Amino acid sequence: MDELRRRYLRQQVELGGAEAVIDPSRLAPEAEPARPAVRAEAAPESRPAATAAPVAEGRLAPTTGPVAESRPPSAPDQAVRSGADVTETTQGGKAKDWRIGAPPIPGPGLVIPALESLLGAPEWSTLEEVAGAVAGCTRCFLAQGRTNVVPGEGNPKAELVLVGEGPGQTEDATGRPFVGRAGELLTGILAAIGYSRDQVFICNVVKCRPPQNRKPLPDEMTSCSPFLEAQLRILRPKVILALGATAAEALLQVKRSLTDLREKVHSYRGTPLVVTYHPAALLRNPNWKKPTWDDVRIARQLVDR
């Protein structure tokens, strides 16, 4: 095709036609695409690869490579307390005041009236006497499988009493309440509101471990109820914190969901009672940690009132 063009143009000149100027750039093969002109100020070989192709950089910023690696990793604004992400955070290495963001004290709930005396119940006058009676108890089936009784422990003048469901395997082996994983979490929660275990009193509805940690049966709770009643009568705390549905049912003498019993201030024999989740439940479902932290702070406010 190029040779034919050359011959045609020469013939035009020979026949007296106007002179024709042949542009060599137009003689490139038609099938070959035009190449872009190369800029005289091409980037030197020493320039970083990331800046050698500005068009590509304009379309998509690099997400890896030296620029991304030099960016400091984002850090959380607040550190979570050990064992107490259910509780509070720290700032500058110092624990925040538990009162910050605490919910208001809710309205009244159920009322369990005071009793002059429990029919047939021994008149124990000290916690040691109650613990001694628990040690020799054979009132129900649970006594047959126990290693140790777990009457409870803590300050005999405690302002706050915590009542759980029943001993687990570690508690049965040691004779102490809440010393397993759930106990470690409970200790962290107490510390976050300014209490050590020695400042409160911790006990359970039943004083012997149910098999496979099952829920205590109604007759088992009934058999143990004089011990718990006596402990609360002797302690006379400012506030009772029921840990879990079983403790709430035993103390409030109702069978309702934890949702119905939470966020109220019940009255047990004249003592304010707050219901919250059992620490073992928080290990299974961390979503319950925040509402538990709110419940605990409600109880703490009632103590200070």
C-alpha atoms as a PDB file:
ATOM      1  CA  MET A   1       0.000   0.000   0.000  1.00  0.00           C
ATOM      2  CA  ASP A   2       2.883   2.441   0.797  1.00  0.00           C
ATOM      3  CA  GLU A   3       4.650   1.756  -2.518  1.00  0.00           C
ATOM      4  CA  LEU A   4       1.467   2.483  -4.492  1.00  0.00           C
ATOM      5  CA  ARG A   5       1.108   5.815  -2.687  1.00  0.00           C
ATOM      6  CA  ARG A   6       4.708   6.765  -3.534  1.00  0.00           C
ATOM      7  CA  ARG A   7       4.206   5.931  -7.213  1.00  0.00           C
ATOM      8  CA  TYR A   8       0.945   7.901  -7.356  1.00  0.00           C
ATOM      9  CA  LEU A   9       2.548  10.993  -5.854  1.00  0.00           C
ATOM     10  CA  ARG A  10       5.564  10.808  -8.219  1.00  0.00           C
ATOM     11  CA  GLN A  11       3.214  10.536 -11.203  1.00  0.00           C
ATOM     12  CA  GLN A  12       1.340  13.615 -10.029  1.00  0.00           C
ATOM     13  CA  VAL A  13       4.606  15.584  -9.886  1.00  0.00           C
ATOM     14  CA  GLU A  14       5.746  14.318 -13.285  1.00  0.00           C
ATOM     15  CA  LEU A  15       2.370  15.292 -14.804  1.00  0.00           C
ATOM     16  CA  GLY A  16       2.745  18.902 -13.506  1.00  0.00           C
ATOM     17  CA  GLY A  17       0.723  18.645 -10.388  1.00  0.00           C
ATOM     18  CA  ALA A  18       1.490  20.497  -7.157  1.00  0.00           C
ATOM     19  CA  GLU A  19       4.373  19.290  -5.071  1.00  0.00           C
ATOM     20  CA  ALA A  20       3.442  16.830  -2.367  1.00  0.00           C
ATOM     21  CA  VAL A  21       5.201  16.464   0.978  1.00  0.00           C
ATOM     22  CA  ILE A  22       5.278  12.968   2.296  1.00  0.00           C
ATOM     23  CA  ASP A  23       4.864  12.758   6.120  1.00  0.00           C
ATOM     24  CA  PRO A  24       6.817   9.708   7.237  1.00  0.00           C
ATOM     25  CA  SER A  25       4.612   9.380  10.379  1.00  0.00           C
ATOM     26  CA  ARG A  26       1.674   8.649   8.135  1.00  0.00           C
ATOM     27  CA  LEU A  27       3.474   5.780   6.450  1.00  0.00           C
ATOM     28  CA  ALA A  28       3.213   3.542   9.594  1.00  0.00           C
ATOM     29  CA  PRO A  29       1.330   0.285   9.089  1.00  0.00           C
ATOM     30  CA  GLU A  30      -2.410   0.763   9.575  1.00  0.00           C
ATOM     31  CA  ALA A  31      -2.665  -2.251  11.862  1.00  0.00           C
ATOM     32  CA  GLU A  32      -0.206  -0.856  14.429  1.00  0.00           C
ATOM     33  CA  PRO A  33      -1.735   1.488  17.042  1.00  0.00           C
ATOM     34  CA  ALA A  34      -0.170   4.893  17.507  1.00  0.00           C
ATOM     35  CA  ARG A  35       2.405   5.067  20.276  1.00  0.00           C
ATOM     36  CA  PRO A  36       2.306   7.955  22.752  1.00  0.00           C
ATOM     37  CA  ALA A  37       5.146  10.413  22.519  1.00  0.00           C
ATOM     38  CA  VAL A  38       7.788   9.942  25.179  1.00  0.00           C
ATOM     39  CA  ARG A  39       8.357  12.933  27.429  1.00  0.00           C
ATOM     40  CA  ALA A  40      11.888  14.262  27.458  1.00  0.00           C
ATOM     41  CA  GLU A  41      11.901  14.567  31.252  1.00  0.00           C
ATOM     42  CA  ALA A  42      11.331  10.874  31.925  1.00  0.00           C
ATOM     43  CA  ALA A  43      11.674   9.790  35.536  1.00  0.00           C
ATOM     44  CA  PRO A  44      15.136   8.553  36.426  1.00  0.00           C
ATOM     45  CA  GLU A  45      15.528   4.902  37.320  1.00  0.00           C
ATOM     46  CA  SER A  46      16.225   5.811  40.933  1.00  0.00           C
ATOM     47  CA  ARG A  47      12.722   7.222  41.519  1.00  0.00           C
ATOM     48  CA  PRO A  48      10.437   5.042  43.716  1.00  0.00           C
ATOM     49  CA  ALA A  49       8.083   2.801  41.817  1.00  0.00           C
ATOM     50  CA  ALA A  50       5.107   4.244  43.677  1.00  0.00           C
ATOM     51  CA  THR A  51       5.606   7.656  42.010  1.00  0.00           C
ATOM     52  CA  ALA A  52       6.676   6.450  38.564  1.00  0.00           C
ATOM     53  CA  ALA A  53       3.054   6.077  37.427  1.00  0.00           C
ATOM     54  CA  PRO A  54       1.108   9.155  38.599  1.00  0.00           C
ATOM     55  CA  VAL A  55      -1.960   8.227  36.534  1.00  0.00           C
ATOM     56  CA  ALA A  56      -2.297   4.899  38.304  1.00  0.00           C
ATOM     57  CA  GLU A  57      -1.848   6.593  41.716  1.00  0.00           C
ATOM     58  CA  GLY A  58      -4.647   9.001  40.927  1.00  0.00           C
ATOM     59  CA  ARG A  59      -7.048   6.156  40.285  1.00  0.00           C
ATOM     60  CA  LEU A  60      -6.323   4.026  43.347  1.00  0.00           C
ATOM     61  CA  ALA A  61      -4.307   4.935  46.415  1.00  0.00           C
ATOM     62  CA  PRO A  62      -2.028   2.095  47.480  1.00  0.00           C
ATOM     63  CA  THR A  63      -3.232   0.138  50.508  1.00  0.00           C
ATOM     64  CA  THR A  64      -0.003  -1.777  51.018  1.00  0.00           C
ATOM     65  CA  GLY A  65       3.662  -1.035  50.763  1.00  0.00           C
ATOM     66  CA  PRO A  66       5.886   1.404  52.631  1.00  0.00           C
ATOM     67  CA  VAL A  67       3.246   4.147  52.990  1.00  0.00           C
ATOM     68  CA  ALA A  68       0.658   1.855  54.582  1.00  0.00           C
ATOM     69  CA  GLU A  69       3.199   0.144  56.834  1.00  0.00           C
ATOM     70  CA  SER A  70       4.428   3.443  58.245  1.00  0.00           C
ATOM     71  CA  ARG A  71       0.932   4.334  59.480  1.00  0.00           C
ATOM     72  CA  PRO A  72       0.668   3.701  63.256  1.00  0.00           C
ATOM     73  CA  PRO A  73      -1.954   1.119  64.228  1.00  0.00           C
ATOM     74  CA  SER A  74      -5.107   2.495  65.782  1.00  0.00           C
ATOM     75  CA  ALA A  75      -5.353   1.897  69.548  1.00  0.00           C
ATOM     76  CA  PRO A  76      -8.545   1.730  71.626  1.00  0.00           C
ATOM     77  CA  ASP A  77      -9.393   4.922  73.470  1.00  0.00           C
ATOM     78  CA  GLN A  78      -9.990   3.071  76.719  1.00  0.00           C
ATOM     79  CA  ALA A  79      -8.540  -0.093  78.241  1.00  0.00           C
ATOM     80  CA  VAL A  80     -10.887  -2.687  79.685  1.00  0.00           C
ATOM     81  CA  ARG A  81     -10.439  -3.743  83.250  1.00  0.00           C
ATOM     82  CA  SER A  82      -9.203  -7.292  83.709  1.00  0.00           C
ATOM     83  CA  GLY A  83     -12.102  -9.581  84.521  1.00  0.00           C
ATOM     84  CA  ALA A  84     -14.432  -6.641  84.297  1.00  0.00           C
ATOM     85  CA  ASP A  85     -15.206  -5.548  80.778  1.00  0.00           C
ATOM     86  CA  VAL A  86     -18.597  -6.001  82.367  1.00  0.00           C
ATOM     87  CA  THR A  87     -17.611  -3.238  84.740  1.00  0.00           C
ATOM     88  CA  GLU A  88     -15.645  -0.122  83.976  1.00  0.00           C
ATOM     89  CA  THR A  89     -12.761   1.201  81.930  1.00  0.00           C
ATOM     90  CA  THR A  90      -9.561   2.909  82.944  1.00  0.00           C
ATOM     91  CA  GLN A  91      -8.102   6.205  81.873  1.00  0.00           C
ATOM     92  CA  GLY A  92      -4.501   7.153  82.435  1.00  0.00           C
ATOM     93  CA  GLY A  93      -3.960   4.034  84.519  1.00  0.00           C
ATOM     94  CA  LYS A  94      -6.586   5.058  87.085  1.00  0.00           C
ATOM     95  CA  ALA A  95      -9.963   3.395  87.433  1.00  0.00           C
ATOM     96  CA  LYS A  96     -12.923   5.521  86.484  1.00  0.00           C
ATOM     97  CA  ASP A  97     -15.478   6.276  89.146  1.00  0.00           C
ATOM     98  CA  TRP A  98     -18.217   3.641  88.908  1.00  0.00           C
ATOM     99  CA  ARG A  99     -20.783   6.435  89.321  1.00  0.00           C
ATOM    100  CA  ILE A 100     -20.005   7.847  85.874  1.00  0.00           C
ATOM    101  CA  GLY A 101     -22.863   6.784  83.606  1.00  0.00           C
ATOM    102  CA  ALA A 102     -24.568   4.783  86.324  1.00  0.00           C
ATOM    103  CA  PRO A 103     -28.306   4.272  85.744  1.00  0.00           C
ATOM    104  CA  PRO A 104     -30.821   5.918  88.067  1.00  0.00           C
ATOM    105  CA  ILE A 105     -32.337   3.867  90.852  1.00  0.00           C
ATOM    106  CA  PRO A 106     -35.468   2.205  89.402  1.00  0.00           C
ATOM    107  CA  GLY A 107     -38.922   2.015  90.913  1.00  0.00           C
ATOM    108  CA  PRO A 108     -40.246  -0.531  93.432  1.00  0.00           C
ATOM    109  CA  GLY A 109     -40.950  -4.158  92.658  1.00  0.00           C
ATOM    110  CA  LEU A 110     -42.176  -7.106  94.697  1.00  0.00           C
ATOM    111  CA  VAL A 111     -42.487  -6.951  98.467  1.00  0.00           C
ATOM    112  CA  ILE A 112     -41.744  -9.933 100.702  1.00  0.00           C
ATOM    113  CA  PRO A 113     -43.063  -8.993 104.141  1.00  0.00           C
ATOM    114  CA  ALA A 114     -41.087  -9.441 107.311  1.00  0.00           C
ATOM    115  CA  LEU A 115     -41.846 -12.429 109.511  1.00  0.00           C
ATOM    116  CA  GLU A 116     -41.864 -12.520 113.250  1.00  0.00           C
ATOM    117  CA  SER A 117     -40.360 -15.997 113.169  1.00  0.00           C
ATOM    118  CA  LEU A 118     -40.157 -19.051 110.968  1.00  0.00           C
ATOM    119  CA  LEU A 119     -42.244 -21.886 112.271  1.00  0.00           C
ATOM    120  CA  GLY A 120     -39.991 -24.694 113.446  1.00  0.00           C
ATOM    121  CA  ALA A 121     -36.800 -22.840 112.565  1.00  0.00           C
ATOM    122  CA  PRO A 122     -33.979 -22.917 115.125  1.00  0.00           C
ATOM    123  CA  GLU A 123     -33.056 -19.550 116.570  1.00  0.00           C
ATOM    124  CA  TRP A 124     -29.432 -19.371 115.489  1.00  0.00           C
ATOM    125  CA  SER A 125     -27.883 -16.150 116.700  1.00  0.00           C
ATOM    126  CA  THR A 126     -24.516 -16.137 114.873  1.00  0.00           C
ATOM    127  CA  LEU A 127     -23.240 -17.016 111.421  1.00  0.00           C
ATOM    128  CA  GLU A 128     -20.954 -19.604 112.999  1.00  0.00           C
ATOM    129  CA  GLU A 129     -23.958 -21.380 114.472  1.00  0.00           C
ATOM    130  CA  VAL A 130     -25.634 -21.434 111.069  1.00  0.00           C
ATOM    131  CA  ALA A 131     -22.459 -22.810 109.450  1.00  0.00           C
ATOM    132  CA  GLY A 132     -22.257 -25.515 112.080  1.00  0.00           C
ATOM    133  CA  ALA A 133     -25.847 -26.525 111.436  1.00  0.00           C
ATOM    134  CA  VAL A 134     -25.195 -26.624 107.687  1.00  0.00           C
ATOM    135  CA  ALA A 135     -22.186 -28.906 108.205  1.00  0.00           C
ATOM    136  CA  GLY A 136     -24.337 -31.542 109.860  1.00  0.00           C
ATOM    137  CA  CYS A 137     -27.406 -31.178 107.642  1.00  0.00           C
ATOM    138  CA  THR A 138     -28.923 -34.235 105.954  1.00  0.00           C
ATOM    139  CA  ARG A 139     -32.314 -32.739 105.168  1.00  0.00           C
ATOM    140  CA  CYS A 140     -32.264 -33.434 101.435  1.00  0.00           C
ATOM    141  CA  PHE A 141     -30.723 -35.607  98.735  1.00  0.00           C
ATOM    142  CA  LEU A 142     -27.862 -33.166  98.078  1.00  0.00           C
ATOM    143  CA  ALA A 143     -26.142 -34.163 101.326  1.00  0.00           C
ATOM    144  CA  GLN A 144     -25.387 -37.617  99.906  1.00  0.00           C
ATOM    145  CA  GLY A 145     -23.108 -36.420  97.102  1.00  0.00           C
ATOM    146  CA  ARG A 146     -21.300 -33.484  98.635  1.00  0.00           C
ATOM    147  CA  THR A 147     -17.595 -33.256  99.390  1.00  0.00           C
ATOM    148  CA  ASN A 148     -17.947 -30.135 101.521  1.00  0.00           C
ATOM    149  CA  VAL A 149     -20.815 -27.935 102.572  1.00  0.00           C
ATOM    150  CA  VAL A 150     -20.555 -24.321 101.413  1.00  0.00           C
ATOM    151  CA  PRO A 151     -22.348 -22.159 103.982  1.00  0.00           C
ATOM    152  CA  GLY A 152     -20.927 -18.841 102.756  1.00  0.00           C
ATOM    153  CA  GLU A 153     -18.221 -16.415 103.774  1.00  0.00           C
ATOM    154  CA  GLY A 154     -17.452 -12.750 104.236  1.00  0.00           C
ATOM    155  CA  ASN A 155     -17.905  -9.843 106.584  1.00  0.00           C
ATOM    156  CA  PRO A 156     -20.417 -10.501 109.396  1.00  0.00           C
ATOM    157  CA  LYS A 157     -21.256  -6.789 109.262  1.00  0.00           C
ATOM    158  CA  ALA A 158     -21.517  -6.606 105.476  1.00  0.00           C
ATOM    159  CA  GLU A 159     -23.677  -3.881 103.975  1.00  0.00           C
ATOM    160  CA  LEU A 160     -24.036  -5.867 100.741  1.00  0.00           C
ATOM    161  CA  VAL A 161     -24.960  -9.567 100.584  1.00  0.00           C
ATOM    162  CA  LEU A 162     -24.751 -11.563  97.361  1.00  0.00           C
ATOM    163  CA  VAL A 163     -26.877 -14.690  96.991  1.00  0.00           C
ATOM    164  CA  GLY A 164     -26.209 -17.223  94.242  1.00  0.00           C
ATOM    165  CA  GLU A 165     -27.788 -20.510  93.213  1.00  0.00           C
ATOM    166  CA  GLY A 166     -25.593 -23.285  94.593  1.00  0.00           C
ATOM    167  CA  PRO A 167     -21.993 -24.512  94.822  1.00  0.00           C
ATOM    168  CA  GLY A 168     -20.186 -25.774  91.738  1.00  0.00           C
ATOM    169  CA  GLN A 169     -17.405 -28.333  91.469  1.00  0.00           C
ATOM    170  CA  THR A 170     -14.639 -26.022  92.691  1.00  0.00           C
ATOM    171  CA  GLU A 171     -16.804 -24.727  95.520  1.00  0.00           C
ATOM    172  CA  ASP A 172     -17.686 -28.270  96.569  1.00  0.00           C
ATOM    173  CA  ALA A 173     -13.975 -29.150  96.656  1.00  0.00           C
ATOM    174  CA  THR A 174     -12.932 -26.090  98.664  1.00  0.00           C
ATOM    175  CA  GLY A 175     -16.001 -25.360 100.800  1.00  0.00           C
ATOM    176  CA  ARG A 176     -15.956 -21.726  99.632  1.00  0.00           C
ATOM    177  CA  PRO A 177     -18.532 -19.910  97.480  1.00  0.00           C
ATOM    178  CA  PHE A 178     -17.715 -18.431  94.067  1.00  0.00           C
ATOM    179  CA  VAL A 179     -14.075 -19.448  93.698  1.00  0.00           C
ATOM    180  CA  GLY A 180     -14.164 -20.834  90.134  1.00  0.00           C
ATOM    181  CA  ARG A 181     -14.136 -18.846  86.888  1.00  0.00           C
ATOM    182  CA  ALA A 182     -17.456 -17.238  87.769  1.00  0.00           C
ATOM    183  CA  GLY A 183     -16.016 -16.325  91.144  1.00  0.00           C
ATOM    184  CA  GLU A 184     -13.044 -14.601  89.555  1.00  0.00           C
ATOM    185  CA  LEU A 185     -15.405 -12.526  87.451  1.00  0.00           C
ATOM    186  CA  LEU A 186     -17.505 -11.669  90.501  1.00  0.00           C
ATOM    187  CA  THR A 187     -14.386 -10.567  92.378  1.00  0.00           C
ATOM    188  CA  GLY A 188     -13.560  -8.192  89.515  1.00  0.00           C
ATOM    189  CA  ILE A 189     -17.070  -6.772  89.520  1.00  0.00           C
ATOM    190  CA  LEU A 190     -16.933  -6.138  93.253  1.00  0.00           C
ATOM    191  CA  ALA A 191     -13.538  -4.465  92.975  1.00  0.00           C
ATOM    192  CA  ALA A 192     -14.918  -2.126  90.302  1.00  0.00           C
ATOM    193  CA  ILE A 193     -17.504  -0.762  92.748  1.00  0.00           C
ATOM    194  CA  GLY A 194     -14.978  -0.442  95.535  1.00  0.00           C
ATOM    195  CA  TYR A 195     -15.480  -3.717  97.424  1.00  0.00           C
ATOM    196  CA  SER A 196     -13.210  -6.618  98.235  1.00  0.00           C
ATOM    197  CA  ARG A 197     -14.663 -10.029  98.954  1.00  0.00           C
ATOM    198  CA  ASP A 198     -13.842  -9.525 102.628  1.00  0.00           C
ATOM    199  CA  GLN A 199     -16.160  -6.517 102.783  1.00  0.00           C
ATOM    200  CA  VAL A 200     -19.280  -8.296 101.533  1.00  0.00           C
ATOM    201  CA  PHE A 201     -20.968 -11.592 102.370  1.00  0.00           C
ATOM    202  CA  ILE A 202     -21.404 -14.231  99.659  1.00  0.00           C
ATOM    203  CA  CYS A 203     -23.622 -17.282  99.949  1.00  0.00           C
ATOM    204  CA  ASN A 204     -26.002 -19.509  97.973  1.00  0.00           C
ATOM    205  CA  VAL A 205     -29.608 -20.646  98.131  1.00  0.00           C
ATOM    206  CA  VAL A 206     -28.506 -24.272  98.673  1.00  0.00           C
ATOM    207  CA  LYS A 207     -25.383 -25.116 100.601  1.00  0.00           C
ATOM    208  CA  CYS A 208     -24.468 -28.390  98.862  1.00  0.00           C
ATOM    209  CA  ARG A 209     -23.597 -28.956  95.211  1.00  0.00           C
ATOM    210  CA  PRO A 210     -26.401 -30.303  92.994  1.00  0.00           C
ATOM    211  CA  PRO A 211     -25.270 -33.173  90.724  1.00  0.00           C
ATOM    212  CA  GLN A 212     -23.739 -31.961  87.427  1.00  0.00           C
ATOM    213  CA  ASN A 213     -24.407 -28.424  88.643  1.00  0.00           C
ATOM    214  CA  ARG A 214     -28.091 -28.732  87.782  1.00  0.00           C
ATOM    215  CA  LYS A 215     -30.644 -26.293  89.120  1.00  0.00           C
ATOM    216  CA  PRO A 216     -31.701 -27.090  92.700  1.00  0.00           C
ATOM    217  CA  LEU A 217     -35.073 -28.787  92.961  1.00  0.00           C
ATOM    218  CA  PRO A 218     -37.904 -27.051  94.846  1.00  0.00           C
ATOM    219  CA  ASP A 219     -37.719 -29.431  97.815  1.00  0.00           C
ATOM    220  CA  GLU A 220     -33.946 -28.918  98.037  1.00  0.00           C
ATOM    221  CA  MET A 221     -34.357 -25.153  98.142  1.00  0.00           C
ATOM    222  CA  THR A 222     -37.110 -25.485 100.729  1.00  0.00           C
ATOM    223  CA  SER A 223     -34.893 -27.684 102.914  1.00  0.00           C
ATOM    224  CA  CYS A 224     -32.088 -25.110 102.798  1.00  0.00           C
ATOM    225  CA  SER A 225     -34.252 -22.013 103.163  1.00  0.00           C
ATOM    226  CA  PRO A 226     -33.996 -21.808 106.995  1.00  0.00           C
ATOM    227  CA  PHE A 227     -30.227 -21.434 106.712  1.00  0.00           C
ATOM    228  CA  LEU A 228     -30.459 -18.603 104.193  1.00  0.00           C
ATOM    229  CA  GLU A 229     -33.251 -16.899 106.131  1.00  0.00           C
ATOM    230  CA  ALA A 230     -31.179 -17.060 109.303  1.00  0.00           C
ATOM    231  CA  GLN A 231     -28.068 -15.686 107.593  1.00  0.00           C
ATOM    232  CA  LEU A 232     -29.941 -12.688 106.196  1.00  0.00           C
ATOM    233  CA  ARG A 233     -31.651 -12.075 109.533  1.00  0.00           C
ATOM    234  CA  ILE A 234     -28.308 -12.094 111.366  1.00  0.00           C
ATOM    235  CA  LEU A 235     -26.476 -10.007 108.764  1.00  0.00           C
ATOM    236  CA  ARG A 236     -29.190  -7.383 108.294  1.00  0.00           C
ATOM    237  CA  PRO A 237     -27.496  -5.919 105.204  1.00  0.00           C
ATOM    238  CA  LYS A 238     -28.402  -2.665 103.536  1.00  0.00           C
ATOM    239  CA  VAL A 239     -28.861  -4.359 100.151  1.00  0.00           C
ATOM    240  CA  ILE A 240     -29.236  -7.900  98.796  1.00  0.00           C
ATOM    241  CA  LEU A 241     -28.032  -8.726  95.280  1.00  0.00           C
ATOM    242  CA  ALA A 242     -29.652 -11.858  93.839  1.00  0.00           C
ATOM    243  CA  LEU A 243     -27.364 -13.497  91.277  1.00  0.00           C
ATOM    244  CA  GLY A 244     -29.457 -15.343  88.720  1.00  0.00           C
ATOM    245  CA  ALA A 245     -33.038 -16.494  88.306  1.00  0.00           C
ATOM    246  CA  THR A 246     -32.851 -19.294  90.895  1.00  0.00           C
ATOM    247  CA  ALA A 247     -31.734 -16.957  93.667  1.00  0.00           C
ATOM    248  CA  ALA A 248     -34.385 -14.431  92.654  1.00  0.00           C
ATOM    249  CA  GLU A 249     -37.117 -17.088  92.663  1.00  0.00           C
ATOM    250  CA  ALA A 250     -36.079 -18.390  96.076  1.00  0.00           C
ATOM    251  CA  LEU A 251     -35.918 -14.963  97.696  1.00  0.00           C
ATOM    252  CA  LEU A 252     -38.946 -13.378  96.020  1.00  0.00           C
ATOM    253  CA  GLN A 253     -41.027 -16.570  96.076  1.00  0.00           C
ATOM    254  CA  VAL A 254     -42.116 -16.190  92.455  1.00  0.00           C
ATOM    255  CA  LYS A 255     -41.343 -17.919  89.187  1.00  0.00           C
ATOM    256  CA  ARG A 256     -40.680 -15.187  86.651  1.00  0.00           C
ATOM    257  CA  SER A 257     -38.109 -14.444  84.001  1.00  0.00           C
ATOM    258  CA  LEU A 258     -35.013 -12.496  84.867  1.00  0.00           C
ATOM    259  CA  THR A 259     -36.158  -9.807  82.431  1.00  0.00           C
ATOM    260  CA  ASP A 260     -39.305  -9.245  84.513  1.00  0.00           C
ATOM    261  CA  LEU A 261     -37.400  -9.107  87.790  1.00  0.00           C
ATOM    262  CA  ARG A 262     -34.502  -6.886  86.746  1.00  0.00           C
ATOM    263  CA  GLU A 263     -34.535  -3.083  86.798  1.00  0.00           C
ATOM    264  CA  LYS A 264     -36.681  -2.911  89.922  1.00  0.00           C
ATOM    265  CA  VAL A 265     -35.930  -2.485  93.594  1.00  0.00           C
ATOM    266  CA  HIS A 266     -37.719  -5.279  95.391  1.00  0.00           C
ATOM    267  CA  SER A 267     -38.132  -5.496  99.147  1.00  0.00           C
ATOM    268  CA  TYR A 268     -37.130  -8.632 101.044  1.00  0.00           C
ATOM    269  CA  ARG A 269     -38.154  -8.496 104.693  1.00  0.00           C
ATOM    270  CA  GLY A 270     -37.608  -4.735 104.571  1.00  0.00           C
ATOM    271  CA  THR A 271     -34.230  -4.927 102.767  1.00  0.00           C
ATOM    272  CA  PRO A 272     -33.842  -3.579  99.203  1.00  0.00           C
ATOM    273  CA  LEU A 273     -33.173  -6.427  96.774  1.00  0.00           C
ATOM    274  CA  VAL A 274     -31.748  -6.111  93.238  1.00  0.00           C
ATOM    275  CA  VAL A 275     -31.776  -8.953  90.704  1.00  0.00           C
ATOM    276  CA  THR A 276     -29.094  -9.487  88.085  1.00  0.00           C
ATOM    277  CA  TYR A 277     -27.469 -12.221  85.999  1.00  0.00           C
ATOM    278  CA  HIS A 278     -25.365 -14.970  87.536  1.00  0.00           C
ATOM    279  CA  PRO A 279     -21.637 -14.525  86.782  1.00  0.00           C
ATOM    280  CA  ALA A 280     -21.568 -17.980  85.155  1.00  0.00           C
ATOM    281  CA  ALA A 281     -24.176 -16.753  82.676  1.00  0.00           C
ATOM    282  CA  LEU A 282     -21.886 -13.883  81.714  1.00  0.00           C
ATOM    283  CA  LEU A 283     -19.192 -16.371  80.756  1.00  0.00           C
ATOM    284  CA  ARG A 284     -21.648 -18.010  78.361  1.00  0.00           C
ATOM    285  CA  ASN A 285     -23.118 -14.789  76.982  1.00  0.00           C
ATOM    286  CA  PRO A 286     -20.937 -11.660  77.160  1.00  0.00           C
ATOM    287  CA  ASN A 287     -23.884  -9.561  75.927  1.00  0.00           C
ATOM    288  CA  TRP A 288     -25.263  -9.704  79.476  1.00  0.00           C
ATOM    289  CA  LYS A 289     -22.213  -8.022  80.981  1.00  0.00           C
ATOM    290  CA  LYS A 290     -23.373  -4.457  80.364  1.00  0.00           C
ATOM    291  CA  PRO A 291     -26.837  -4.912  81.970  1.00  0.00           C
ATOM    292  CA  THR A 292     -25.180  -6.723  84.882  1.00  0.00           C
ATOM    293  CA  TRP A 293     -22.836  -3.796  85.379  1.00  0.00           C
ATOM    294  CA  ASP A 294     -25.841  -1.470  85.492  1.00  0.00           C
ATOM    295  CA  ASP A 295     -27.607  -3.687  88.049  1.00  0.00           C
ATOM    296  CA  VAL A 296     -24.545  -3.835  90.267  1.00  0.00           C
ATOM    297  CA  ARG A 297     -24.200  -0.059  90.217  1.00  0.00           C
ATOM    298  CA  ILE A 298     -27.855   0.291  91.188  1.00  0.00           C
ATOM    299  CA  ALA A 299     -27.179  -1.940  94.192  1.00  0.00           C
ATOM    300  CA  ARG A 300     -24.110   0.117  95.066  1.00  0.00           C
ATOM    301  CA  GLN A 301     -26.121   3.341  94.974  1.00  0.00           C
ATOM    302  CA  LEU A 302     -28.682   1.818  97.337  1.00  0.00           C
ATOM    303  CA  VAL A 303     -25.905   0.964  99.787  1.00  0.00           C
ATOM    304  CA  ASP A 304     -24.747   4.581  99.780  1.00  0.00           C
ATOM    305  CA  ARG A 305     -28.233   5.980 100.193  1.00  0.00           C
END
